[in-house]
C-alpha atoms as a PDB file:
ATOM      1  CA  MET A   1      -3.401   0.332  27.073  1.00  0.00           C
ATOM      2  CA  ASN A   2      -0.534   1.797  25.392  1.00  0.00           C
ATOM      3  CA  GLN A   3      -0.078  -2.051  23.573  1.00  0.00           C
ATOM      4  CA  TRP A   4      -1.810  -0.295  20.824  1.00  0.00           C
ATOM      5  CA  THR A   5       1.321   2.654  21.010  1.00  0.00           C
ATOM      6  CA  ALA A   6       3.948  -0.230  20.894  1.00  0.00           C
ATOM      7  CA  ALA A   7       1.991  -2.024  17.816  1.00  0.00           C
ATOM      8  CA  GLU A   8       1.683   1.372  16.079  1.00  0.00           C
ATOM      9  CA  GLY A   9       5.903   1.649  16.765  1.00  0.00           C
ATOM     10  CA  ALA A  10       6.224  -1.436  15.644  1.00  0.00           C
ATOM     11  CA  LEU A  11       4.390  -1.986  12.726  1.00  0.00           C
ATOM     12  CA  LYS A  12       6.194   2.006  11.344  1.00  0.00           C
ATOM     13  CA  THR A  13       9.615   0.535  12.079  1.00  0.00           C
ATOM     14  CA  CYS A  14       9.344  -2.538   9.795  1.00  0.00           C
ATOM     15  CA  GLU A  15       7.788  -0.023   7.222  1.00  0.00           C
ATOM     16  CA  THR A  16      10.599   2.476   7.595  1.00  0.00           C
ATOM     17  CA  SER A  17      13.248   0.454   8.153  1.00  0.00           C
ATOM     18  CA  ARG A  18      12.588  -3.354   6.955  1.00  0.00           C
ATOM     19  CA  VAL A  19      13.508  -4.844  10.107  1.00  0.00           C
ATOM     20  CA  PHE A  20      11.326  -6.689  11.811  1.00  0.00           C
ATOM     21  CA  ALA A  21       9.565  -5.652  15.200  1.00  0.00           C
ATOM     22  CA  SER A  22       7.044  -6.923  17.625  1.00  0.00           C
ATOM     23  CA  ALA A  23       4.881  -5.501  20.305  1.00  0.00           C
ATOM     24  CA  HIS A  24       3.574  -7.343  23.404  1.00  0.00           C
ATOM     25  CA  SER A  25       1.969  -6.667  26.423  1.00  0.00           C
ATOM     26  CA  ALA A  26       3.956  -7.269  29.666  1.00  0.00           C
ATOM     27  CA  GLU A  27       2.669 -11.247  29.948  1.00  0.00           C
ATOM     28  CA  GLN A  28       2.453 -11.790  26.426  1.00  0.00           C
ATOM     29  CA  LEU A  29       6.371 -11.277  26.075  1.00  0.00           C
ATOM     30  CA  LEU A  30       6.798 -13.483  29.918  1.00  0.00           C
ATOM     31  CA  HIS A  31       4.727 -16.390  28.262  1.00  0.00           C
ATOM     32  CA  GLY A  32       6.794 -16.650  24.878  1.00  0.00           C
ATOM     33  CA  PRO A  33       8.525 -14.017  23.283  1.00  0.00           C
ATOM     34  CA  SER A  34      11.268 -13.234  26.282  1.00  0.00           C
ATOM     35  CA  VAL A  35      12.722 -16.596  25.765  1.00  0.00           C
ATOM     36  CA  ALA A  36      14.121 -15.677  22.316  1.00  0.00           C
ATOM     37  CA  LEU A  37      15.506 -12.212  23.641  1.00  0.00           C
ATOM     38  CA  GLY A  38      19.399 -12.093  24.068  1.00  0.00           C
ATOM     39  CA  PRO A  39      22.809 -10.127  23.451  1.00  0.00           C
ATOM     40  CA  GLY A  40      21.960  -8.562  20.208  1.00  0.00           C
ATOM     41  CA  ASP A  41      18.235  -7.370  20.749  1.00  0.00           C
ATOM     42  CA  GLY A  42      16.482  -4.265  21.707  1.00  0.00           C
ATOM     43  CA  LEU A  43      13.449  -3.969  24.063  1.00  0.00           C
ATOM     44  CA  VAL A  44      11.430  -0.528  24.532  1.00  0.00           C
ATOM     45  CA  VAL A  45       9.358  -0.774  27.208  1.00  0.00           C
ATOM     46  CA  VAL A  46       6.700   1.866  26.844  1.00  0.00           C
ATOM     47  CA  ASP A  47       5.433   3.321  29.851  1.00  0.00           C
ATOM     48  CA  GLY A  48       1.921   5.321  30.143  1.00  0.00           C
ATOM     49  CA  GLY A  49       1.395   4.634  33.344  1.00  0.00           C
ATOM     50  CA  GLY A  50      -1.644   2.480  34.869  1.00  0.00           C
ATOM     51  CA  PRO A  51      -1.613  -0.742  36.233  1.00  0.00           C
ATOM     52  CA  ALA A  52       1.187  -2.477  34.397  1.00  0.00           C
ATOM     53  CA  ARG A  53       3.945  -0.294  35.049  1.00  0.00           C
ATOM     54  CA  GLN A  54       5.657  -2.356  38.052  1.00  0.00           C
ATOM     55  CA  ARG A  55       5.288  -5.087  36.066  1.00  0.00           C
ATOM     56  CA  MET A  56       6.873  -3.558  32.864  1.00  0.00           C
ATOM     57  CA  ALA A  57       9.784  -2.521  34.495  1.00  0.00           C
ATOM     58  CA  GLU A  58      10.440  -5.700  35.855  1.00  0.00           C
ATOM     59  CA  VAL A  59      10.216  -6.916  32.274  1.00  0.00           C
ATOM     60  CA  GLY A  60      12.290  -4.764  31.323  1.00  0.00           C
ATOM     61  CA  GLU A  61      15.283  -5.468  34.308  1.00  0.00           C
ATOM     62  CA  ALA A  62      15.240  -9.188  33.626  1.00  0.00           C
ATOM     63  CA  SER A  63      15.581  -8.489  29.878  1.00  0.00           C
ATOM     64  CA  ALA A  64      18.736  -6.072  30.641  1.00  0.00           C
ATOM     65  CA  LYS A  65      20.203  -9.025  32.867  1.00  0.00           C
ATOM     66  CA  CYS A  66      19.431 -11.021  29.576  1.00  0.00           C
ATOM     67  CA  GLY A  67      21.822  -8.780  27.840  1.00  0.00           C
ATOM     68  CA  VAL A  68      19.037  -6.780  25.768  1.00  0.00           C
ATOM     69  CA  ARG A  69      19.554  -3.375  25.241  1.00  0.00           C
ATOM     70  CA  VAL A  70      16.103  -2.117  27.089  1.00  0.00           C
ATOM     71  CA  HIS A  71      14.372   1.567  26.609  1.00  0.00           C
ATOM     72  CA  HIS A  72      12.154   3.411  28.309  1.00  0.00           C
ATOM     73  CA  LEU A  73       9.967   5.446  26.726  1.00  0.00           C
ATOM     74  CA  ARG A  74       7.847   7.106  29.484  1.00  0.00           C
ATOM     75  CA  GLU A  75       5.046   9.486  29.895  1.00  0.00           C
ATOM     76  CA  GLU A  76       4.504  10.120  33.914  1.00  0.00           C
ATOM     77  CA  THR A  77       2.880  14.070  33.428  1.00  0.00           C
ATOM     78  CA  LEU A  78      -0.507  12.895  32.075  1.00  0.00           C
ATOM     79  CA  VAL A  79      -2.817  10.182  32.785  1.00  0.00           C
ATOM     80  CA  GLU A  80      -2.740   6.811  30.791  1.00  0.00           C
ATOM     81  CA  THR A  81      -5.936   7.321  28.431  1.00  0.00           C
ATOM     82  CA  LEU A  82      -3.554  10.690  27.331  1.00  0.00           C
ATOM     83  CA  SER A  83      -0.175   8.587  27.510  1.00  0.00           C
ATOM     84  CA  VAL A  84      -1.081   7.433  24.129  1.00  0.00           C
ATOM     85  CA  PHE A  85      -0.449  10.546  22.242  1.00  0.00           C
ATOM     86  CA  PRO A  86       2.738  11.361  22.973  1.00  0.00           C
ATOM     87  CA  LEU A  87       3.779   7.888  23.218  1.00  0.00           C
ATOM     88  CA  THR A  88       2.911   7.271  19.657  1.00  0.00           C
ATOM     89  CA  ALA A  89       4.918  10.459  18.446  1.00  0.00           C
ATOM     90  CA  GLY A  90       7.585   8.535  20.569  1.00  0.00           C
ATOM     91  CA  VAL A  91       7.767   5.559  18.907  1.00  0.00           C
ATOM     92  CA  GLN A  92       7.445   7.194  15.321  1.00  0.00           C
ATOM     93  CA  ARG A  93      10.875   8.448  16.228  1.00  0.00           C
ATOM     94  CA  ILE A  94      11.962   5.683  16.995  1.00  0.00           C
ATOM     95  CA  ALA A  95      10.857   4.304  13.420  1.00  0.00           C
ATOM     96  CA  LEU A  96      12.441   7.462  12.172  1.00  0.00           C
ATOM     97  CA  GLU A  97      15.861   6.875  13.644  1.00  0.00           C
ATOM     98  CA  SER A  98      15.892   3.220  12.666  1.00  0.00           C
ATOM     99  CA  ALA A  99      15.310   3.596   9.303  1.00  0.00           C
ATOM    100  CA  LEU A 100      18.341   6.496   9.127  1.00  0.00           C
ATOM    101  CA  ALA A 101      20.368   4.264  11.175  1.00  0.00           C
ATOM    102  CA  VAL A 102      20.112   1.207   8.588  1.00  0.00           C
ATOM    103  CA  GLY A 103      20.027   3.728   5.590  1.00  0.00           C
ATOM    104  CA  SER A 104      16.573   3.235   4.390  1.00  0.00           C
ATOM    105  CA  ASP A 105      14.365   5.726   3.217  1.00  0.00           C
ATOM    106  CA  PRO A 106      11.173   6.055   5.491  1.00  0.00           C
ATOM    107  CA  ASP A 107       9.423   7.449   2.723  1.00  0.00           C
ATOM    108  CA  GLU A 108       9.622   4.705   0.493  1.00  0.00           C
ATOM    109  CA  PHE A 109       7.891   1.838   1.915  1.00  0.00           C
ATOM    110  CA  GLY A 110      10.587  -0.387   1.360  1.00  0.00           C
ATOM    111  CA  PHE A 111       9.938   0.480  -2.888  1.00  0.00           C
ATOM    112  CA  ASP A 112      13.418   1.700  -2.453  1.00  0.00           C
ATOM    113  CA  VAL A 113      14.930  -2.034  -3.223  1.00  0.00           C
ATOM    114  CA  PRO A 114      15.061  -2.618  -6.575  1.00  0.00           C
ATOM    115  CA  GLY A 115      12.270  -4.953  -7.575  1.00  0.00           C
ATOM    116  CA  ARG A 116      10.078  -4.796  -4.615  1.00  0.00           C
ATOM    117  CA  GLN A 117       8.022  -2.122  -6.080  1.00  0.00           C
ATOM    118  CA  GLU A 118       6.808  -4.353  -8.918  1.00  0.00           C
ATOM    119  CA  ALA A 119       6.152  -7.772  -7.149  1.00  0.00           C
ATOM    120  CA  TRP A 120       4.269  -5.263  -4.526  1.00  0.00           C
ATOM    121  CA  ASP A 121       2.272  -3.472  -7.178  1.00  0.00           C
ATOM    122  CA  PRO A 122      -0.412  -5.676  -8.380  1.00  0.00           C
ATOM    123  CA  ILE A 123      -1.571  -5.973  -4.869  1.00  0.00           C
ATOM    124  CA  GLU A 124      -3.841  -3.075  -3.598  1.00  0.00           C
ATOM    125  CA  LEU A 125      -3.049  -1.312  -0.735  1.00  0.00           C
END
């Protein structure tokens, strides 16, 4: 359910801070991307409850044992279908804080980098 919430957070983090971020379900992460995680990486576990909660906790724990900084963003007061609303606000906050941490203007869509706007202007968004 909250894989889309995580995808929104990854997209906003890329847009605001110009750093790579991606979103995966627990099973997707286990079958490939987990191999690339290690010290220096961060993992945000977006947990809105539901049947995947235990599996996500296990993935977070294993990642931490590999030196990954693991952060849990949880919504435990609402049912999973409604958890997307507060969790979306949470991942947007992470994107904002990421941008501020790297000195990026989160409202500029990367166009505060010299030459970037001119490069992308011909392509209609």
